[in-house]
Amino acid sequence: MYLLLQLYRANVAFPDFFRNSTAAWWKMEIKELYEDFQKPGKNLKFDGLWIDMNEPSNFVDGSVRGCSDEILNNPPYMPYLESREKGLSSKTLCMESEQILPDGSRVRHYDVHSLYGWAQTRPTYEAVQEVTGKRGVVITRSTFPSSGRWGGHWLGDNTAAWDQLRKSIIGVWASPQGP
């Protein structure tokens, strides 16, 4: 099963970063971006990468085709969310979507949603080190405890206003950083 999602008026697919093969593919893509010998002038030298929208974030609720009415998408105990009336799949993936762990076991996205950005950050950091030969830097919008080992956390978009600065201080203290 695959999900058709949308970002910036285009259809997208989210890689399953829990799979070892996806992490290897991702590293290869980053290497190609950095040093594509087949297309001189099409490579991009960088010292670090910024990962955005990796909560994962989506401009439709769940999928272009919609999500099932399964209890995972609409649990009887809805947490306080911005769009709680739309269910847990609001602006992200359907909760019944499957992820495949490194050992081959299948889990529902519901069970690993908070780990998605974490699973992308490590191979991104490793790829930056491999291609640049340096420590490099990775900044990510989605973190989980131990994410600080591979990347820094940014708090998302904000405006240049004092109330946003106050909120950012709270966000920094609430961020799960450190090894």
C-alpha atoms as a PDB file:
ATOM      1  CA  MET A   1       0.000   0.000   0.000  1.00  0.00           C
ATOM      2  CA  TYR A   2       1.205   3.506  -0.713  1.00  0.00           C
ATOM      3  CA  LEU A   3      -0.248   6.855   0.165  1.00  0.00           C
ATOM      4  CA  LEU A   4      -0.620   9.748  -2.227  1.00  0.00           C
ATOM      5  CA  LEU A   5       0.031  12.957  -0.298  1.00  0.00           C
ATOM      6  CA  GLN A   6       0.433  16.618  -1.162  1.00  0.00           C
ATOM      7  CA  LEU A   7       2.921  19.355  -0.365  1.00  0.00           C
ATOM      8  CA  TYR A   8       3.030  22.686  -2.161  1.00  0.00           C
ATOM      9  CA  ARG A   9       0.356  21.629  -4.700  1.00  0.00           C
ATOM     10  CA  ALA A  10       2.272  18.552  -5.815  1.00  0.00           C
ATOM     11  CA  ASN A  11       1.846  14.868  -5.071  1.00  0.00           C
ATOM     12  CA  VAL A  12       4.548  13.416  -2.842  1.00  0.00           C
ATOM     13  CA  ALA A  13       5.511  10.127  -1.218  1.00  0.00           C
ATOM     14  CA  PHE A  14       7.187   9.817   2.162  1.00  0.00           C
ATOM     15  CA  PRO A  15      10.165   7.428   2.346  1.00  0.00           C
ATOM     16  CA  ASP A  16      10.012   4.822   5.105  1.00  0.00           C
ATOM     17  CA  PHE A  17      13.154   5.809   7.020  1.00  0.00           C
ATOM     18  CA  PHE A  18      12.698   2.897   9.426  1.00  0.00           C
ATOM     19  CA  ARG A  19      13.872   0.511   6.683  1.00  0.00           C
ATOM     20  CA  ASN A  20      17.616  -0.021   6.305  1.00  0.00           C
ATOM     21  CA  SER A  21      17.252   0.013   2.513  1.00  0.00           C
ATOM     22  CA  THR A  22      15.615   3.455   2.668  1.00  0.00           C
ATOM     23  CA  ALA A  23      18.417   4.832   4.852  1.00  0.00           C
ATOM     24  CA  ALA A  24      20.951   3.502   2.306  1.00  0.00           C
ATOM     25  CA  TRP A  25      18.965   5.022  -0.585  1.00  0.00           C
ATOM     26  CA  TRP A  26      18.746   8.365   1.254  1.00  0.00           C
ATOM     27  CA  LYS A  27      22.512   8.426   1.808  1.00  0.00           C
ATOM     28  CA  MET A  28      23.055   7.665  -1.884  1.00  0.00           C
ATOM     29  CA  GLU A  29      20.745  10.551  -2.863  1.00  0.00           C
ATOM     30  CA  ILE A  30      22.638  12.951  -0.597  1.00  0.00           C
ATOM     31  CA  LYS A  31      25.959  11.749  -2.010  1.00  0.00           C
ATOM     32  CA  GLU A  32      24.677  12.285  -5.552  1.00  0.00           C
ATOM     33  CA  LEU A  33      23.527  15.799  -4.657  1.00  0.00           C
ATOM     34  CA  TYR A  34      26.969  16.584  -3.253  1.00  0.00           C
ATOM     35  CA  GLU A  35      29.201  14.986  -5.882  1.00  0.00           C
ATOM     36  CA  ASP A  36      27.328  14.019  -9.049  1.00  0.00           C
ATOM     37  CA  PHE A  37      30.214  13.263 -11.409  1.00  0.00           C
ATOM     38  CA  GLN A  38      27.875  12.469 -14.311  1.00  0.00           C
ATOM     39  CA  LYS A  39      26.395  15.968 -14.314  1.00  0.00           C
ATOM     40  CA  PRO A  40      29.137  18.507 -13.620  1.00  0.00           C
ATOM     41  CA  GLY A  41      27.617  21.770 -12.499  1.00  0.00           C
ATOM     42  CA  LYS A  42      24.548  19.967 -11.150  1.00  0.00           C
ATOM     43  CA  ASN A  43      26.105  19.042  -7.824  1.00  0.00           C
ATOM     44  CA  LEU A  44      25.808  21.099  -4.669  1.00  0.00           C
ATOM     45  CA  LYS A  45      28.592  21.426  -2.139  1.00  0.00           C
ATOM     46  CA  PHE A  46      27.247  21.888   1.371  1.00  0.00           C
ATOM     47  CA  ASP A  47      28.383  21.787   4.987  1.00  0.00           C
ATOM     48  CA  GLY A  48      25.045  20.738   6.410  1.00  0.00           C
ATOM     49  CA  LEU A  49      21.406  20.022   5.624  1.00  0.00           C
ATOM     50  CA  TRP A  50      18.110  21.350   6.918  1.00  0.00           C
ATOM     51  CA  ILE A  51      15.242  18.851   7.136  1.00  0.00           C
ATOM     52  CA  ASP A  52      11.799  20.445   7.044  1.00  0.00           C
ATOM     53  CA  MET A  53       8.238  19.071   7.161  1.00  0.00           C
ATOM     54  CA  ASN A  54       9.434  15.743   8.603  1.00  0.00           C
ATOM     55  CA  GLU A  55       6.856  15.310  11.354  1.00  0.00           C
ATOM     56  CA  PRO A  56       5.808  14.086   8.694  1.00  0.00           C
ATOM     57  CA  SER A  57       3.746  17.033   7.521  1.00  0.00           C
ATOM     58  CA  ASN A  58       1.195  16.938   4.728  1.00  0.00           C
ATOM     59  CA  PHE A  59      -1.154  19.492   3.150  1.00  0.00           C
ATOM     60  CA  VAL A  60      -4.057  17.046   3.024  1.00  0.00           C
ATOM     61  CA  ASP A  61      -5.520  15.064   5.883  1.00  0.00           C
ATOM     62  CA  GLY A  62      -3.883  11.639   5.735  1.00  0.00           C
ATOM     63  CA  SER A  63      -3.890  10.980   2.010  1.00  0.00           C
ATOM     64  CA  VAL A  64      -5.319  12.381  -1.213  1.00  0.00           C
ATOM     65  CA  ARG A  65      -7.610   9.325  -1.184  1.00  0.00           C
ATOM     66  CA  GLY A  66      -8.444   9.836   2.498  1.00  0.00           C
ATOM     67  CA  CYS A  67      -7.938   7.523   5.462  1.00  0.00           C
ATOM     68  CA  SER A  68     -10.029   4.691   6.796  1.00  0.00           C
ATOM     69  CA  ASP A  69     -12.520   5.247   9.590  1.00  0.00           C
ATOM     70  CA  GLU A  70     -10.327   3.042  11.764  1.00  0.00           C
ATOM     71  CA  ILE A  71     -10.118   3.896  15.446  1.00  0.00           C
ATOM     72  CA  LEU A  72      -6.417   4.764  15.022  1.00  0.00           C
ATOM     73  CA  ASN A  73      -7.363   7.862  13.023  1.00  0.00           C
ATOM     74  CA  ASN A  74     -10.211   8.873  15.331  1.00  0.00           C
ATOM     75  CA  PRO A  75      -9.566   7.504  18.816  1.00  0.00           C
ATOM     76  CA  PRO A  76     -12.160   8.022  21.546  1.00  0.00           C
ATOM     77  CA  TYR A  77      -9.609  10.073  23.530  1.00  0.00           C
ATOM     78  CA  MET A  78      -8.490  12.865  21.195  1.00  0.00           C
ATOM     79  CA  PRO A  79      -5.466  14.795  22.415  1.00  0.00           C
ATOM     80  CA  TYR A  80      -5.626  18.562  22.234  1.00  0.00           C
ATOM     81  CA  LEU A  81      -4.597  19.317  18.643  1.00  0.00           C
ATOM     82  CA  GLU A  82      -5.083  22.315  16.405  1.00  0.00           C
ATOM     83  CA  SER A  83      -7.447  20.331  14.149  1.00  0.00           C
ATOM     84  CA  ARG A  84      -8.698  17.748  16.628  1.00  0.00           C
ATOM     85  CA  GLU A  85     -12.101  17.515  14.914  1.00  0.00           C
ATOM     86  CA  LYS A  86     -10.307  16.104  11.837  1.00  0.00           C
ATOM     87  CA  GLY A  87      -8.624  13.248  13.735  1.00  0.00           C
ATOM     88  CA  LEU A  88      -5.006  12.250  14.251  1.00  0.00           C
ATOM     89  CA  SER A  89      -4.312  12.138  10.497  1.00  0.00           C
ATOM     90  CA  SER A  90      -4.892  15.862  10.099  1.00  0.00           C
ATOM     91  CA  LYS A  91      -1.990  17.316   8.082  1.00  0.00           C
ATOM     92  CA  THR A  92       0.046  14.098   8.386  1.00  0.00           C
ATOM     93  CA  LEU A  93      -0.106  10.451   7.292  1.00  0.00           C
ATOM     94  CA  CYS A  94      -2.978   8.051   7.889  1.00  0.00           C
ATOM     95  CA  MET A  95      -2.385   6.335  11.209  1.00  0.00           C
ATOM     96  CA  GLU A  96      -3.083   2.889   9.706  1.00  0.00           C
ATOM     97  CA  SER A  97      -0.205   3.317   7.225  1.00  0.00           C
ATOM     98  CA  GLU A  98       2.532   0.728   7.644  1.00  0.00           C
ATOM     99  CA  GLN A  99       6.195   1.271   8.429  1.00  0.00           C
ATOM    100  CA  ILE A 100       8.695  -1.576   8.197  1.00  0.00           C
ATOM    101  CA  LEU A 101      11.278  -1.768  10.961  1.00  0.00           C
ATOM    102  CA  PRO A 102      14.893  -2.898  10.360  1.00  0.00           C
ATOM    103  CA  ASP A 103      14.035  -6.413  11.595  1.00  0.00           C
ATOM    104  CA  GLY A 104      11.299  -6.663   8.931  1.00  0.00           C
ATOM    105  CA  SER A 105       8.367  -6.375  11.315  1.00  0.00           C
ATOM    106  CA  ARG A 106       5.481  -4.188  10.248  1.00  0.00           C
ATOM    107  CA  VAL A 107       4.060  -1.505  12.525  1.00  0.00           C
ATOM    108  CA  ARG A 108       1.339   1.059  12.103  1.00  0.00           C
ATOM    109  CA  HIS A 109       2.366   4.667  11.612  1.00  0.00           C
ATOM    110  CA  TYR A 110       0.293   5.381  14.727  1.00  0.00           C
ATOM    111  CA  ASP A 111       2.914   3.541  16.814  1.00  0.00           C
ATOM    112  CA  VAL A 112       5.965   5.302  15.360  1.00  0.00           C
ATOM    113  CA  HIS A 113       4.662   8.725  14.294  1.00  0.00           C
ATOM    114  CA  SER A 114       6.818  10.619  16.798  1.00  0.00           C
ATOM    115  CA  LEU A 115       9.905   8.695  15.644  1.00  0.00           C
ATOM    116  CA  TYR A 116       9.624   9.522  11.921  1.00  0.00           C
ATOM    117  CA  GLY A 117      11.848  12.624  12.014  1.00  0.00           C
ATOM    118  CA  TRP A 118      14.279  10.849  14.344  1.00  0.00           C
ATOM    119  CA  ALA A 119      14.578   7.995  11.826  1.00  0.00           C
ATOM    120  CA  GLN A 120      15.444  10.493   9.062  1.00  0.00           C
ATOM    121  CA  THR A 121      17.928  12.543  11.082  1.00  0.00           C
ATOM    122  CA  ARG A 122      20.509   9.815  11.738  1.00  0.00           C
ATOM    123  CA  PRO A 123      21.098   8.720   8.115  1.00  0.00           C
ATOM    124  CA  THR A 124      21.117  12.381   7.059  1.00  0.00           C
ATOM    125  CA  TYR A 125      23.849  13.186   9.573  1.00  0.00           C
ATOM    126  CA  GLU A 126      25.842  10.080   8.606  1.00  0.00           C
ATOM    127  CA  ALA A 127      25.575  11.021   4.919  1.00  0.00           C
ATOM    128  CA  VAL A 128      26.746  14.594   5.581  1.00  0.00           C
ATOM    129  CA  GLN A 129      29.799  13.214   7.398  1.00  0.00           C
ATOM    130  CA  GLU A 130      30.534  10.670   4.668  1.00  0.00           C
ATOM    131  CA  VAL A 131      30.286  13.049   1.705  1.00  0.00           C
ATOM    132  CA  THR A 132      31.961  16.092   3.236  1.00  0.00           C
ATOM    133  CA  GLY A 133      34.566  14.279   5.311  1.00  0.00           C
ATOM    134  CA  LYS A 134      33.659  16.709   8.091  1.00  0.00           C
ATOM    135  CA  ARG A 135      31.357  16.807  11.062  1.00  0.00           C
ATOM    136  CA  GLY A 136      28.761  18.978   9.317  1.00  0.00           C
ATOM    137  CA  VAL A 137      25.433  20.037  10.736  1.00  0.00           C
ATOM    138  CA  VAL A 138      21.854  18.816  10.381  1.00  0.00           C
ATOM    139  CA  ILE A 139      18.886  20.892  11.512  1.00  0.00           C
ATOM    140  CA  THR A 140      15.516  19.157  11.731  1.00  0.00           C
ATOM    141  CA  ARG A 141      12.001  20.244  12.593  1.00  0.00           C
ATOM    142  CA  SER A 142      11.002  16.893  14.103  1.00  0.00           C
ATOM    143  CA  THR A 143      13.012  15.497  17.009  1.00  0.00           C
ATOM    144  CA  PHE A 144      12.710  12.832  19.675  1.00  0.00           C
ATOM    145  CA  PRO A 145      14.874  12.061  22.728  1.00  0.00           C
ATOM    146  CA  SER A 146      18.448  11.308  21.524  1.00  0.00           C
ATOM    147  CA  SER A 147      17.983  13.276  18.269  1.00  0.00           C
ATOM    148  CA  GLY A 148      20.568  15.762  19.520  1.00  0.00           C
ATOM    149  CA  ARG A 149      23.255  13.186  18.808  1.00  0.00           C
ATOM    150  CA  TRP A 150      22.678  13.647  15.051  1.00  0.00           C
ATOM    151  CA  GLY A 151      21.054  17.032  14.604  1.00  0.00           C
ATOM    152  CA  GLY A 152      19.772  20.251  16.054  1.00  0.00           C
ATOM    153  CA  HIS A 153      16.130  21.191  16.458  1.00  0.00           C
ATOM    154  CA  TRP A 154      14.458  24.219  14.962  1.00  0.00           C
ATOM    155  CA  LEU A 155      11.056  25.311  16.153  1.00  0.00           C
ATOM    156  CA  GLY A 156       9.416  25.844  12.790  1.00  0.00           C
ATOM    157  CA  ASP A 157       8.270  29.001  11.114  1.00  0.00           C
ATOM    158  CA  ASN A 158       7.711  32.094  13.195  1.00  0.00           C
ATOM    159  CA  THR A 159       7.450  35.824  12.747  1.00  0.00           C
ATOM    160  CA  ALA A 160       9.838  38.489  13.971  1.00  0.00           C
ATOM    161  CA  ALA A 161       7.661  39.483  16.900  1.00  0.00           C
ATOM    162  CA  TRP A 162       8.217  39.519  20.668  1.00  0.00           C
ATOM    163  CA  ASP A 163       5.480  36.969  21.373  1.00  0.00           C
ATOM    164  CA  GLN A 164       7.218  34.566  18.970  1.00  0.00           C
ATOM    165  CA  LEU A 165      10.515  35.076  20.811  1.00  0.00           C
ATOM    166  CA  ARG A 166       8.792  34.234  24.110  1.00  0.00           C
ATOM    167  CA  LYS A 167       7.321  31.072  22.574  1.00  0.00           C
ATOM    168  CA  SER A 168      10.717  30.056  21.190  1.00  0.00           C
ATOM    169  CA  ILE A 169      12.257  30.116  24.678  1.00  0.00           C
ATOM    170  CA  ILE A 170       9.570  27.736  25.903  1.00  0.00           C
ATOM    171  CA  GLY A 171      10.119  25.576  22.816  1.00  0.00           C
ATOM    172  CA  VAL A 172      13.860  25.350  23.392  1.00  0.00           C
ATOM    173  CA  TRP A 173      13.373  24.177  26.979  1.00  0.00           C
ATOM    174  CA  ALA A 174      10.745  21.655  25.868  1.00  0.00           C
ATOM    175  CA  SER A 175      12.913  20.233  23.067  1.00  0.00           C
ATOM    176  CA  PRO A 176      14.191  16.678  23.549  1.00  0.00           C
ATOM    177  CA  GLN A 177      17.898  17.318  22.952  1.00  0.00           C
ATOM    178  CA  GLY A 178      21.037  15.526  23.975  1.00  0.00           C
ATOM    179  CA  PRO A 179      22.476  12.065  23.365  1.00  0.00           C
END
